[in-house]
Protein backbone atom coordinates (compact mmCIF):
# COMPACT_ATOMS: atom_id res chain seq x y z
CA UNK A 1 -51.13 -50.69 -81.97
CA UNK A 2 -54.69 -52.16 -82.50
CA UNK A 3 -57.15 -49.08 -83.46
CA UNK A 4 -59.56 -50.43 -80.92
CA UNK A 5 -56.94 -50.41 -78.01
CA UNK A 6 -56.01 -46.92 -79.15
CA UNK A 7 -59.61 -45.83 -78.93
CA UNK A 8 -60.26 -47.18 -75.65
CA UNK A 9 -57.13 -45.80 -74.06
CA UNK A 10 -58.05 -42.37 -75.18
CA UNK A 11 -61.37 -42.72 -73.78
CA UNK A 12 -59.63 -43.86 -70.53
CA UNK A 13 -57.30 -41.00 -70.57
CA UNK A 14 -60.06 -38.38 -71.21
CA UNK A 15 -62.10 -39.60 -68.32
CA UNK A 16 -59.09 -39.57 -65.91
CA UNK A 17 -58.47 -35.79 -66.85
CA UNK A 18 -62.21 -35.37 -66.34
CA UNK A 19 -62.82 -33.97 -69.69
CA UNK A 20 -66.23 -33.57 -71.58
CA UNK A 21 -68.15 -36.98 -70.88
CA UNK A 22 -69.25 -36.57 -74.71
CA UNK A 23 -65.62 -36.89 -75.65
CA UNK A 24 -64.76 -40.02 -73.95
CA UNK A 25 -68.25 -41.53 -74.87
CA UNK A 26 -67.54 -40.87 -78.57
CA UNK A 27 -64.32 -42.64 -78.55
CA UNK A 28 -65.79 -45.49 -76.50
CA UNK A 29 -68.69 -45.72 -79.12
CA UNK A 30 -66.30 -45.84 -82.00
CA UNK A 31 -64.41 -48.91 -80.11
CA UNK A 32 -67.76 -50.59 -79.83
CA UNK A 33 -68.44 -49.88 -83.74
CA UNK A 34 -65.19 -51.76 -84.72
CA UNK A 35 -65.32 -54.45 -82.07
CA UNK A 36 -65.00 -57.85 -84.16
CA UNK A 37 -63.83 -56.48 -87.38
CA UNK A 38 -60.61 -58.34 -88.82
CA UNK A 39 -57.49 -56.56 -90.51
CA UNK A 40 -58.90 -56.70 -93.72
CA UNK A 41 -62.25 -55.03 -92.74
CA UNK A 42 -60.43 -52.23 -90.78
CA UNK A 43 -58.29 -51.45 -94.01
CA UNK A 44 -61.37 -50.91 -95.80
CA UNK A 45 -61.32 -47.16 -94.95
CA UNK A 46 -64.67 -46.23 -96.86
CA UNK A 47 -66.53 -49.00 -95.03
CA UNK A 48 -65.19 -48.06 -91.60
CA UNK A 49 -66.03 -44.42 -92.08
CA UNK A 50 -69.67 -45.18 -92.64
CA UNK A 51 -69.91 -47.26 -89.27
CA UNK A 52 -72.50 -45.63 -86.93
CA UNK A 53 -70.39 -44.22 -84.08
CA UNK A 54 -67.26 -43.60 -86.10
CA UNK A 55 -66.49 -39.92 -86.56
CA UNK A 56 -63.73 -37.79 -88.22
CA UNK A 57 -61.33 -37.89 -84.94
CA UNK A 58 -62.22 -41.32 -84.22
CA UNK A 59 -61.54 -42.19 -87.85
CA UNK A 60 -58.14 -40.36 -87.88
CA UNK A 61 -57.08 -42.44 -84.79
CA UNK A 62 -58.08 -45.69 -86.44
CA UNK A 63 -56.22 -44.94 -89.43
CA UNK A 64 -53.11 -43.71 -87.61
CA UNK A 65 -52.99 -46.88 -85.62
CA UNK A 66 -53.39 -48.96 -88.75
CA UNK A 67 -50.19 -47.13 -90.21
CA UNK A 68 -48.11 -48.61 -87.21
CA UNK A 69 -47.86 -45.57 -84.96
CA UNK A 70 -49.34 -44.35 -81.73
CA UNK A 71 -51.91 -41.84 -83.07
CA UNK A 72 -50.98 -38.24 -82.22
CA UNK A 73 -54.09 -37.70 -80.00
CA UNK A 74 -53.24 -40.50 -77.77
CA UNK A 75 -49.65 -39.41 -77.50
CA UNK A 76 -50.54 -36.04 -76.23
CA UNK A 77 -52.94 -37.38 -73.75
CA UNK A 78 -50.41 -39.77 -72.48
CA UNK A 79 -48.05 -36.69 -72.07
CA UNK A 80 -50.58 -34.59 -70.42
CA UNK A 81 -51.49 -37.31 -67.93
CA UNK A 82 -48.13 -38.08 -66.75
CA UNK A 83 -48.72 -41.59 -66.89
CA UNK A 84 -47.85 -43.26 -64.70
CA UNK A 85 -47.34 -41.25 -61.11
CA UNK A 86 -44.69 -43.00 -59.18
CA UNK A 87 -45.01 -43.69 -55.48
CA UNK A 88 -43.96 -46.93 -53.56
CA UNK A 89 -47.37 -46.82 -51.72
CA UNK A 90 -49.37 -47.05 -55.10
CA UNK A 91 -47.78 -50.33 -55.74
CA UNK A 92 -49.35 -51.73 -52.47
CA UNK A 93 -52.61 -50.46 -53.25
CA UNK A 94 -55.12 -53.67 -53.79
CA UNK A 95 -58.61 -52.11 -54.36
CA UNK A 96 -60.68 -49.15 -54.36
CA UNK A 97 -63.91 -48.76 -51.94
CA UNK A 98 -65.56 -45.64 -53.66
CA UNK A 99 -66.84 -45.75 -57.33
CA UNK A 100 -69.90 -45.23 -59.33
CA UNK A 101 -71.71 -46.69 -62.56
CA UNK A 102 -74.47 -45.34 -64.52
CA UNK A 103 -76.94 -46.73 -62.24
CA UNK A 104 -76.38 -43.30 -60.48
CA UNK A 105 -74.37 -40.44 -61.81
CA UNK A 106 -71.48 -42.38 -63.39
CA UNK A 107 -70.77 -42.37 -66.99
CA UNK A 108 -70.39 -46.03 -67.82
CA UNK A 109 -71.83 -49.56 -67.23
CA UNK A 110 -70.90 -51.71 -64.32
CA UNK A 111 -68.88 -54.25 -66.87
CA UNK A 112 -66.66 -51.40 -68.12
CA UNK A 113 -65.91 -50.34 -64.65
CA UNK A 114 -64.96 -53.74 -63.50
CA UNK A 115 -62.86 -54.46 -66.90
CA UNK A 116 -60.76 -51.25 -66.03
CA UNK A 117 -60.18 -52.18 -62.30
CA UNK A 118 -58.89 -55.80 -63.47
CA UNK A 119 -56.58 -54.20 -66.07
CA UNK A 120 -55.31 -51.95 -63.11
CA UNK A 121 -54.42 -55.06 -61.35
CA UNK A 122 -57.07 -54.47 -58.54
CA UNK A 123 -58.18 -57.47 -56.59
CA UNK A 124 -61.38 -55.73 -55.62
CA UNK A 125 -63.32 -52.68 -56.36
CA UNK A 126 -66.65 -51.49 -54.51
CA UNK A 127 -69.61 -50.29 -56.37
CA UNK A 128 -70.94 -47.33 -54.40
CA UNK A 129 -73.74 -45.58 -56.33
CA UNK A 130 -75.46 -42.92 -54.68
CA UNK A 131 -78.33 -43.04 -52.22
CA UNK A 132 -82.22 -41.89 -52.83
CA UNK A 133 -82.01 -38.30 -51.62
CA UNK A 134 -79.28 -37.17 -54.04
CA UNK A 135 -81.79 -37.16 -57.02
CA UNK A 136 -79.49 -34.87 -59.10
CA UNK A 137 -77.10 -38.00 -59.24
CA UNK A 138 -79.97 -40.45 -59.81
CA UNK A 139 -79.60 -42.10 -56.49
CA UNK A 140 -81.00 -45.54 -56.06
CA UNK A 141 -84.14 -46.15 -54.27
CA UNK A 142 -84.22 -49.38 -52.10
CA UNK A 143 -85.68 -51.16 -54.86
CA UNK A 144 -83.31 -50.22 -57.41
CA UNK A 145 -80.38 -51.02 -54.97
CA UNK A 146 -81.79 -54.57 -54.38
CA UNK A 147 -81.98 -55.26 -58.24
CA UNK A 148 -78.38 -53.94 -58.42
CA UNK A 149 -77.29 -56.79 -56.28
CA UNK A 150 -78.10 -59.46 -58.75
CA UNK A 151 -75.80 -57.76 -61.30
CA UNK A 152 -73.00 -57.31 -58.78
CA UNK A 153 -73.21 -61.02 -57.84
CA UNK A 154 -72.31 -62.14 -61.52
CA UNK A 155 -68.99 -60.31 -61.31
CA UNK A 156 -67.36 -62.28 -58.61
CA UNK A 157 -64.90 -64.90 -59.33
CA UNK A 158 -61.70 -66.24 -57.95
CA UNK A 159 -59.58 -63.34 -59.34
CA UNK A 160 -61.32 -60.42 -58.70
CA UNK A 161 -64.18 -59.26 -56.53
CA UNK A 162 -66.97 -56.51 -57.16
CA UNK A 163 -68.23 -55.54 -53.52
CA UNK A 164 -71.76 -54.47 -53.29
CA UNK A 165 -71.81 -50.95 -51.71
CA UNK A 166 -73.11 -47.50 -51.70
CA UNK A 167 -72.29 -43.83 -51.13
CA UNK A 168 -74.83 -43.03 -48.77
CA UNK A 169 -75.65 -39.40 -47.99
CA UNK A 170 -75.31 -38.11 -44.43
CA UNK A 171 -78.61 -36.41 -43.81
CA UNK A 172 -78.84 -33.14 -41.83
CA UNK A 173 -79.08 -34.80 -38.63
CA UNK A 174 -76.40 -37.44 -39.20
CA UNK A 175 -78.83 -40.13 -40.09
CA UNK A 176 -78.01 -42.23 -43.23
CA UNK A 177 -80.14 -42.21 -46.31
CA UNK A 178 -81.04 -45.67 -46.70
CA UNK A 179 -83.16 -48.54 -45.09
CA UNK A 180 -81.14 -49.74 -42.03
CA UNK A 181 -81.82 -53.33 -42.97
CA UNK A 182 -80.56 -53.01 -46.63
CA UNK A 183 -77.51 -51.23 -45.14
CA UNK A 184 -76.96 -54.34 -43.16
CA UNK A 185 -77.02 -56.41 -46.52
CA UNK A 186 -74.12 -54.60 -48.26
CA UNK A 187 -70.60 -55.10 -48.29
CA UNK A 188 -69.28 -51.64 -47.77
CA UNK A 189 -70.99 -48.44 -46.71
CA UNK A 190 -69.10 -44.97 -47.48
CA UNK A 191 -70.90 -42.20 -45.68
CA UNK A 192 -70.81 -38.79 -47.19
CA UNK A 193 -72.02 -35.42 -46.86
CA UNK A 194 -73.50 -33.75 -50.16
CA UNK A 195 -75.67 -30.83 -48.91
CA UNK A 196 -75.83 -28.12 -46.35
CA UNK A 197 -72.01 -28.10 -46.57
CA UNK A 198 -71.97 -24.74 -44.91
CA UNK A 199 -73.72 -25.74 -41.91
CA UNK A 200 -72.25 -24.35 -38.57
CA UNK A 201 -69.43 -25.99 -36.90
CA UNK A 202 -71.25 -27.36 -33.87
CA UNK A 203 -74.23 -28.87 -35.77
CA UNK A 204 -71.90 -30.24 -38.43
CA UNK A 205 -69.63 -31.86 -35.93
CA UNK A 206 -72.63 -33.51 -34.43
CA UNK A 207 -73.78 -34.70 -37.83
CA UNK A 208 -70.52 -36.27 -38.72
CA UNK A 209 -70.16 -38.01 -35.20
CA UNK A 210 -73.65 -39.46 -35.42
CA UNK A 211 -73.00 -40.83 -39.02
CA UNK A 212 -69.52 -42.54 -37.87
CA UNK A 213 -71.06 -43.72 -34.89
CA UNK A 214 -73.76 -45.62 -36.82
CA UNK A 215 -72.77 -49.32 -36.92
CA UNK A 216 -73.39 -49.57 -40.46
CA UNK A 217 -70.64 -46.88 -41.41
CA UNK A 218 -67.30 -48.13 -42.76
CA UNK A 219 -65.80 -45.22 -44.63
CA UNK A 220 -66.24 -41.32 -44.14
CA UNK A 221 -66.15 -39.91 -47.80
CA UNK A 222 -64.52 -36.69 -48.82
CA UNK A 223 -64.88 -35.41 -45.23
CA UNK A 224 -64.63 -31.43 -45.80
CA UNK A 225 -66.50 -31.34 -49.06
CA UNK A 226 -63.99 -28.86 -50.60
CA UNK A 227 -63.09 -28.41 -54.15
CA UNK A 228 -59.73 -26.80 -55.09
CA UNK A 229 -59.93 -26.82 -58.83
CA UNK A 230 -61.84 -28.11 -61.91
CA UNK A 231 -65.00 -27.12 -63.87
CA UNK A 232 -67.27 -27.20 -61.07
CA UNK A 233 -65.04 -24.01 -59.52
CA UNK A 234 -63.82 -24.08 -55.96
CA UNK A 235 -65.59 -24.59 -52.78
CA UNK A 236 -64.29 -23.86 -49.23
CA UNK A 237 -64.19 -26.81 -46.69
CA UNK A 238 -66.88 -27.53 -44.26
CA UNK A 239 -66.37 -26.12 -40.68
CA UNK A 240 -66.51 -28.76 -38.01
CA UNK A 241 -64.37 -30.00 -34.93
CA UNK A 242 -62.01 -32.42 -36.86
CA UNK A 243 -60.43 -33.79 -33.76
CA UNK A 244 -63.89 -34.88 -32.40
CA UNK A 245 -64.90 -36.54 -35.79
CA UNK A 246 -61.57 -38.27 -36.19
CA UNK A 247 -61.58 -39.52 -32.56
CA UNK A 248 -65.11 -40.84 -33.33
CA UNK A 249 -63.74 -42.52 -36.34
CA UNK A 250 -60.85 -44.06 -34.51
CA UNK A 251 -63.39 -45.34 -31.74
CA UNK A 252 -65.54 -47.07 -34.17
CA UNK A 253 -63.18 -48.26 -36.64
CA UNK A 254 -64.32 -46.13 -39.38
CA UNK A 255 -61.79 -45.37 -42.13
CA UNK A 256 -61.22 -41.65 -43.23
CA UNK A 257 -61.07 -41.54 -46.86
CA UNK A 258 -58.23 -39.97 -48.76
CA UNK A 259 -60.22 -39.12 -51.85
CA UNK A 260 -57.82 -39.07 -54.74
CA UNK A 261 -59.94 -36.67 -57.18
CA UNK A 262 -57.33 -33.91 -58.01
CA UNK A 263 -60.28 -31.23 -57.54
CA UNK A 264 -61.09 -32.56 -54.16
CA UNK A 265 -57.68 -33.52 -52.49
CA UNK A 266 -59.75 -34.29 -49.19
CA UNK A 267 -58.94 -34.30 -46.44
CA UNK A 268 -56.26 -31.22 -46.48
CA UNK A 269 -52.85 -32.01 -45.38
CA UNK A 270 -53.30 -30.82 -41.96
CA UNK A 271 -56.20 -32.93 -41.24
CA UNK A 272 -54.74 -35.79 -42.56
CA UNK A 273 -51.84 -35.43 -40.09
CA UNK A 274 -54.35 -34.96 -37.35
CA UNK A 275 -56.21 -38.15 -38.37
CA UNK A 276 -52.93 -39.99 -38.39
CA UNK A 277 -52.06 -38.49 -35.00
CA UNK A 278 -55.30 -39.69 -33.53
CA UNK A 279 -55.01 -43.41 -34.81
CA UNK A 280 -57.56 -43.43 -37.79
CA UNK A 281 -57.66 -46.03 -40.37
CA UNK A 282 -57.63 -44.55 -44.08
CA UNK A 283 -58.96 -45.71 -47.47
CA UNK A 284 -57.49 -44.31 -50.62
CA UNK A 285 -60.32 -44.34 -53.12
CA UNK A 286 -60.60 -42.94 -56.60
CA UNK A 287 -64.42 -41.82 -56.26
CA UNK A 288 -64.34 -42.71 -59.90
CA UNK A 289 -67.43 -41.70 -62.04
CA UNK A 290 -65.84 -43.41 -65.25
CA UNK A 291 -63.42 -46.24 -65.95
CA UNK A 292 -60.41 -43.94 -66.73
CA UNK A 293 -61.02 -42.13 -63.06
CA UNK A 294 -60.09 -45.59 -61.14
CA UNK A 295 -56.34 -44.65 -61.90
CA UNK A 296 -56.82 -41.57 -59.85
CA UNK A 297 -55.70 -43.58 -57.08
CA UNK A 298 -52.08 -42.66 -58.08
CA UNK A 299 -52.82 -38.88 -56.68
CA UNK A 300 -54.35 -40.31 -53.28
CA UNK A 301 -51.09 -42.54 -52.94
CA UNK A 302 -48.86 -39.78 -53.38
CA UNK A 303 -50.62 -37.70 -50.74
CA UNK A 304 -50.62 -40.51 -48.40
CA UNK A 305 -46.98 -41.10 -48.71
CA UNK A 306 -45.89 -37.64 -48.29
CA UNK A 307 -48.08 -37.39 -45.09
CA UNK A 308 -46.30 -40.21 -43.74
CA UNK A 309 -49.06 -42.84 -43.50
CA UNK A 310 -48.01 -46.28 -42.96
CA UNK A 311 -49.52 -48.85 -45.49
CA UNK A 312 -50.80 -51.03 -42.66
CA UNK A 313 -53.30 -48.23 -41.71
CA UNK A 314 -54.64 -48.12 -45.09
CA UNK A 315 -57.38 -50.61 -45.59
CA UNK A 316 -57.04 -50.49 -49.38
CA UNK A 317 -53.63 -52.16 -49.06
CA UNK A 318 -55.17 -55.12 -47.23
CA UNK A 319 -55.77 -58.31 -48.96
CA UNK A 320 -59.65 -59.17 -49.35
CA UNK A 321 -59.84 -61.55 -46.77
CA UNK A 322 -58.54 -59.09 -43.96
CA UNK A 323 -60.54 -56.33 -45.67
CA UNK A 324 -63.78 -58.56 -45.22
CA UNK A 325 -62.81 -59.17 -41.51
CA UNK A 326 -62.79 -55.46 -40.88
CA UNK A 327 -66.05 -54.94 -42.74
CA UNK A 328 -67.79 -57.50 -40.57
CA UNK A 329 -66.03 -56.19 -37.30
CA UNK A 330 -68.26 -56.18 -34.23
CA UNK A 331 -70.00 -52.95 -34.19
């Protein structure tokens, strides 16, 4: 395989398994360093080794790829990833409504996210960087969000659409953390709680109901806020009246997100069953913070399939035209 393809795939798989961001960045830097080199230049080992961005590990991958085999590190990552997880529902997914770039707390540029989404066969993906109050995630001020619109417009063509969106923070009282007029301009709004997740059940229920009753909300993101594994440790799910919240989602046409990140698995199975019973729509999303994490929708598709959720109730199986009609529904 071509050395640059090997380096990029390694970076992608490291991102998928949520490894150290420095590791994936190192392999992407090496891929950039050898971009444009012909075969003769790549085989000049001494020159390649001196390139800025090429270290011991990445140089070894380049040499193994040039020798005609799959680099050992890549083979190991492929085995660990179990690529690709199988489900009938996964093949029906057309896009993703929750992803982040380095405009907020994502690891890479918008163009790398778009390139990977295209490779995965997506018809569309929504760029949903964070809102202002989430300073730890470099949330976008109204001015920065407006500036992002011009960048997003540049990625729209007949084969792929980058939707302009936001993961807006649900404030303590259920209000949304962005100018209402600006939210009206966006293609898609994912509303999520990121603070005070241990709020008492009554106030938390009212908080969520107010958020999903807001006519600007399209998707309720990682509703329980739980963490079940991973480097951040574990966190219990928030307490709230799930039936009341999901009934409000169904009433207002808001999709309940099936967050595909393995450390979240949110909502839990019992709440997925409840939302299905109530009649909610769903959105299977990656919540990707790096290109390789866009493929995490494999996990969300498996969970939705096990839960018996019909494909037609999942908005990310819909073609773009139908999706846009739903996003523009009367509020």
